[in-house]
Amino acid sequence: MKRIDSIKFFVEQQAFGVCAWLGKKMGIKTERVRLYFLYVTFGTLGSSVILYLIVAFWLNIKNYQKEGRKTVWDL
């Protein structure tokens, strides 16, 4: 059971970051975004997964760029 809980925690923490970000930007609940994503995935035979991966990659790059910027006042 502990292994399943750790897998569930990892998936919730990593995989749903895109849905949470998109929900926050659009002003709707994250659960609703996840539900729509599942509907679209089944309706388009999985092609929306590619879009999801592209957005996840873009968000990762965006976070790395923010962390890498230093200002004059940083020591």
N, C-alpha and C. Protein backbone atom coordinates (compact mmCIF):
# COMPACT_ATOMS: atom_id res chain seq x y z
N MET A 1 0.81 -1.19 0.00
CA MET A 1 0.00 0.00 0.00
C MET A 1 0.85 1.25 0.00
N LYS A 2 1.98 1.22 0.67
CA LYS A 2 2.82 2.40 0.76
C LYS A 2 3.36 2.78 -0.62
N ARG A 3 3.68 1.79 -1.42
CA ARG A 3 4.20 2.06 -2.77
C ARG A 3 3.12 2.71 -3.63
N ILE A 4 1.89 2.26 -3.51
CA ILE A 4 0.79 2.84 -4.28
C ILE A 4 0.56 4.29 -3.85
N ASP A 5 0.64 4.56 -2.55
CA ASP A 5 0.47 5.92 -2.06
C ASP A 5 1.57 6.84 -2.57
N SER A 6 2.80 6.33 -2.63
CA SER A 6 3.89 7.17 -3.13
C SER A 6 3.75 7.44 -4.62
N ILE A 7 3.26 6.47 -5.38
CA ILE A 7 3.02 6.68 -6.81
C ILE A 7 1.89 7.68 -7.01
N LYS A 8 0.84 7.56 -6.22
CA LYS A 8 -0.29 8.49 -6.31
C LYS A 8 0.16 9.91 -5.98
N PHE A 9 0.96 10.07 -4.94
CA PHE A 9 1.46 11.39 -4.56
C PHE A 9 2.32 11.98 -5.68
N PHE A 10 3.19 11.17 -6.27
CA PHE A 10 4.05 11.66 -7.36
C PHE A 10 3.22 12.11 -8.55
N VAL A 11 2.22 11.33 -8.93
CA VAL A 11 1.38 11.68 -10.08
C VAL A 11 0.60 12.94 -9.80
N GLU A 12 0.02 13.06 -8.61
CA GLU A 12 -0.75 14.25 -8.28
C GLU A 12 0.13 15.49 -8.24
N GLN A 13 1.35 15.33 -7.77
CA GLN A 13 2.24 16.47 -7.65
C GLN A 13 2.81 16.90 -9.01
N GLN A 14 3.17 15.95 -9.85
CA GLN A 14 3.84 16.26 -11.10
C GLN A 14 2.91 16.38 -12.29
N ALA A 15 2.05 15.41 -12.48
CA ALA A 15 1.25 15.34 -13.70
C ALA A 15 0.11 16.35 -13.75
N PHE A 16 -0.42 16.72 -12.61
CA PHE A 16 -1.57 17.61 -12.63
C PHE A 16 -1.19 19.07 -12.51
N GLY A 17 0.08 19.39 -12.60
CA GLY A 17 0.50 20.79 -12.55
C GLY A 17 -0.05 21.59 -13.71
N VAL A 18 -0.17 20.98 -14.86
CA VAL A 18 -0.69 21.67 -16.04
C VAL A 18 -2.16 21.99 -15.84
N CYS A 19 -2.93 21.05 -15.35
CA CYS A 19 -4.36 21.28 -15.14
C CYS A 19 -4.58 22.35 -14.08
N ALA A 20 -3.78 22.35 -13.02
CA ALA A 20 -3.93 23.36 -11.98
C ALA A 20 -3.58 24.74 -12.53
N TRP A 21 -2.52 24.83 -13.30
CA TRP A 21 -2.11 26.11 -13.89
C TRP A 21 -3.19 26.62 -14.84
N LEU A 22 -3.68 25.74 -15.68
CA LEU A 22 -4.70 26.13 -16.65
C LEU A 22 -5.99 26.55 -15.95
N GLY A 23 -6.38 25.83 -14.91
CA GLY A 23 -7.57 26.18 -14.16
C GLY A 23 -7.44 27.53 -13.47
N LYS A 24 -6.25 27.80 -12.94
CA LYS A 24 -6.01 29.08 -12.29
C LYS A 24 -6.07 30.22 -13.30
N LYS A 25 -5.49 30.01 -14.46
CA LYS A 25 -5.49 31.04 -15.50
C LYS A 25 -6.90 31.33 -16.02
N MET A 26 -7.72 30.28 -16.13
CA MET A 26 -9.06 30.43 -16.68
C MET A 26 -10.10 30.75 -15.60
N GLY A 27 -9.71 30.61 -14.34
CA GLY A 27 -10.62 30.92 -13.25
C GLY A 27 -11.66 29.84 -12.99
N ILE A 28 -11.33 28.57 -13.29
CA ILE A 28 -12.24 27.47 -13.01
C ILE A 28 -11.54 26.44 -12.15
N LYS A 29 -12.32 25.52 -11.59
CA LYS A 29 -11.76 24.50 -10.70
C LYS A 29 -10.83 23.55 -11.47
N THR A 30 -9.79 23.12 -10.79
CA THR A 30 -8.83 22.18 -11.38
C THR A 30 -9.50 20.86 -11.73
N GLU A 31 -10.42 20.42 -10.89
CA GLU A 31 -11.11 19.15 -11.14
C GLU A 31 -11.88 19.18 -12.46
N ARG A 32 -12.48 20.33 -12.75
CA ARG A 32 -13.24 20.46 -14.00
C ARG A 32 -12.30 20.42 -15.21
N VAL A 33 -11.12 21.03 -15.08
CA VAL A 33 -10.14 21.00 -16.17
C VAL A 33 -9.69 19.57 -16.41
N ARG A 34 -9.44 18.82 -15.34
CA ARG A 34 -9.02 17.42 -15.47
C ARG A 34 -10.11 16.60 -16.15
N LEU A 35 -11.35 16.84 -15.76
CA LEU A 35 -12.47 16.11 -16.35
C LEU A 35 -12.58 16.40 -17.85
N TYR A 36 -12.50 17.66 -18.22
CA TYR A 36 -12.55 18.03 -19.64
C TYR A 36 -11.38 17.44 -20.41
N PHE A 37 -10.21 17.42 -19.77
CA PHE A 37 -9.04 16.83 -20.41
C PHE A 37 -9.27 15.35 -20.70
N LEU A 38 -9.86 14.64 -19.74
CA LEU A 38 -10.15 13.22 -19.96
C LEU A 38 -11.16 13.03 -21.09
N TYR A 39 -12.20 13.85 -21.12
CA TYR A 39 -13.19 13.75 -22.19
C TYR A 39 -12.55 14.00 -23.55
N VAL A 40 -11.74 15.03 -23.63
CA VAL A 40 -11.09 15.35 -24.91
C VAL A 40 -10.12 14.24 -25.31
N THR A 41 -9.41 13.68 -24.34
CA THR A 41 -8.47 12.60 -24.64
C THR A 41 -9.18 11.40 -25.23
N PHE A 42 -10.29 11.00 -24.63
CA PHE A 42 -11.04 9.87 -25.17
C PHE A 42 -11.70 10.20 -26.50
N GLY A 43 -12.16 11.43 -26.64
CA GLY A 43 -12.83 11.84 -27.88
C GLY A 43 -11.90 11.95 -29.06
N THR A 44 -10.65 12.31 -28.82
CA THR A 44 -9.70 12.48 -29.92
C THR A 44 -8.69 11.33 -29.99
N LEU A 45 -8.98 10.26 -29.29
CA LEU A 45 -8.13 9.06 -29.29
C LEU A 45 -6.70 9.33 -28.82
N GLY A 46 -6.57 10.20 -27.81
CA GLY A 46 -5.28 10.40 -27.17
C GLY A 46 -4.41 11.52 -27.72
N SER A 47 -4.86 12.23 -28.74
CA SER A 47 -3.98 13.26 -29.30
C SER A 47 -3.82 14.47 -28.38
N SER A 48 -4.71 14.66 -27.42
CA SER A 48 -4.57 15.79 -26.50
C SER A 48 -3.45 15.55 -25.49
N VAL A 49 -3.01 14.32 -25.35
CA VAL A 49 -1.88 14.02 -24.46
C VAL A 49 -0.63 14.73 -24.97
N ILE A 50 -0.47 14.81 -26.27
CA ILE A 50 0.68 15.51 -26.85
C ILE A 50 0.64 16.98 -26.46
N LEU A 51 -0.52 17.61 -26.55
CA LEU A 51 -0.67 19.00 -26.14
C LEU A 51 -0.35 19.16 -24.66
N TYR A 52 -0.82 18.24 -23.84
CA TYR A 52 -0.54 18.27 -22.40
C TYR A 52 0.96 18.22 -22.15
N LEU A 53 1.68 17.36 -22.83
CA LEU A 53 3.12 17.24 -22.63
C LEU A 53 3.85 18.50 -23.08
N ILE A 54 3.38 19.13 -24.15
CA ILE A 54 4.00 20.37 -24.62
C ILE A 54 3.83 21.48 -23.58
N VAL A 55 2.62 21.60 -23.03
CA VAL A 55 2.38 22.63 -22.01
C VAL A 55 3.19 22.34 -20.75
N ALA A 56 3.29 21.08 -20.35
CA ALA A 56 4.09 20.73 -19.17
C ALA A 56 5.55 21.08 -19.39
N PHE A 57 6.08 20.81 -20.57
CA PHE A 57 7.46 21.16 -20.89
C PHE A 57 7.65 22.67 -20.85
N TRP A 58 6.69 23.40 -21.42
CA TRP A 58 6.78 24.86 -21.45
C TRP A 58 6.75 25.44 -20.03
N LEU A 59 5.91 24.90 -19.15
CA LEU A 59 5.85 25.38 -17.77
C LEU A 59 7.15 25.09 -17.03
N ASN A 60 7.77 23.94 -17.30
CA ASN A 60 9.04 23.61 -16.67
C ASN A 60 10.12 24.58 -17.10
N ILE A 61 10.20 24.88 -18.39
CA ILE A 61 11.19 25.81 -18.89
C ILE A 61 10.96 27.20 -18.29
N LYS A 62 9.71 27.60 -18.20
CA LYS A 62 9.36 28.91 -17.63
C LYS A 62 9.82 29.00 -16.18
N ASN A 63 9.64 27.93 -15.40
CA ASN A 63 10.08 27.93 -14.00
C ASN A 63 11.60 27.99 -13.89
N TYR A 64 12.32 27.27 -14.75
CA TYR A 64 13.77 27.31 -14.73
C TYR A 64 14.30 28.69 -15.07
N GLN A 65 13.66 29.38 -16.00
CA GLN A 65 14.10 30.71 -16.37
C GLN A 65 13.89 31.69 -15.22
N LYS A 66 12.78 31.57 -14.51
CA LYS A 66 12.54 32.44 -13.36
C LYS A 66 13.57 32.21 -12.26
N GLU A 67 13.91 30.96 -12.00
CA GLU A 67 14.88 30.65 -10.96
C GLU A 67 16.28 31.11 -11.34
N GLY A 68 16.60 31.10 -12.61
CA GLY A 68 17.94 31.43 -13.06
C GLY A 68 18.23 32.91 -13.10
N ARG A 69 17.22 33.76 -13.15
CA ARG A 69 17.43 35.20 -13.21
C ARG A 69 17.87 35.74 -11.87
N LYS A 70 18.93 36.49 -11.89
CA LYS A 70 19.43 37.14 -10.69
C LYS A 70 19.38 38.65 -10.92
N THR A 71 19.07 39.36 -9.87
CA THR A 71 19.05 40.81 -9.97
C THR A 71 20.33 41.36 -9.37
N VAL A 72 20.52 42.64 -9.49
CA VAL A 72 21.70 43.28 -8.94
C VAL A 72 21.73 43.17 -7.42
N TRP A 73 20.56 43.10 -6.83
CA TRP A 73 20.47 43.11 -5.37
C TRP A 73 20.65 41.72 -4.75
N ASP A 74 20.64 40.67 -5.54
CA ASP A 74 20.86 39.32 -5.01
C ASP A 74 22.33 39.12 -4.66
N LEU A 75 22.57 38.47 -3.55
CA LEU A 75 23.94 38.19 -3.14
C LEU A 75 24.36 36.81 -3.49
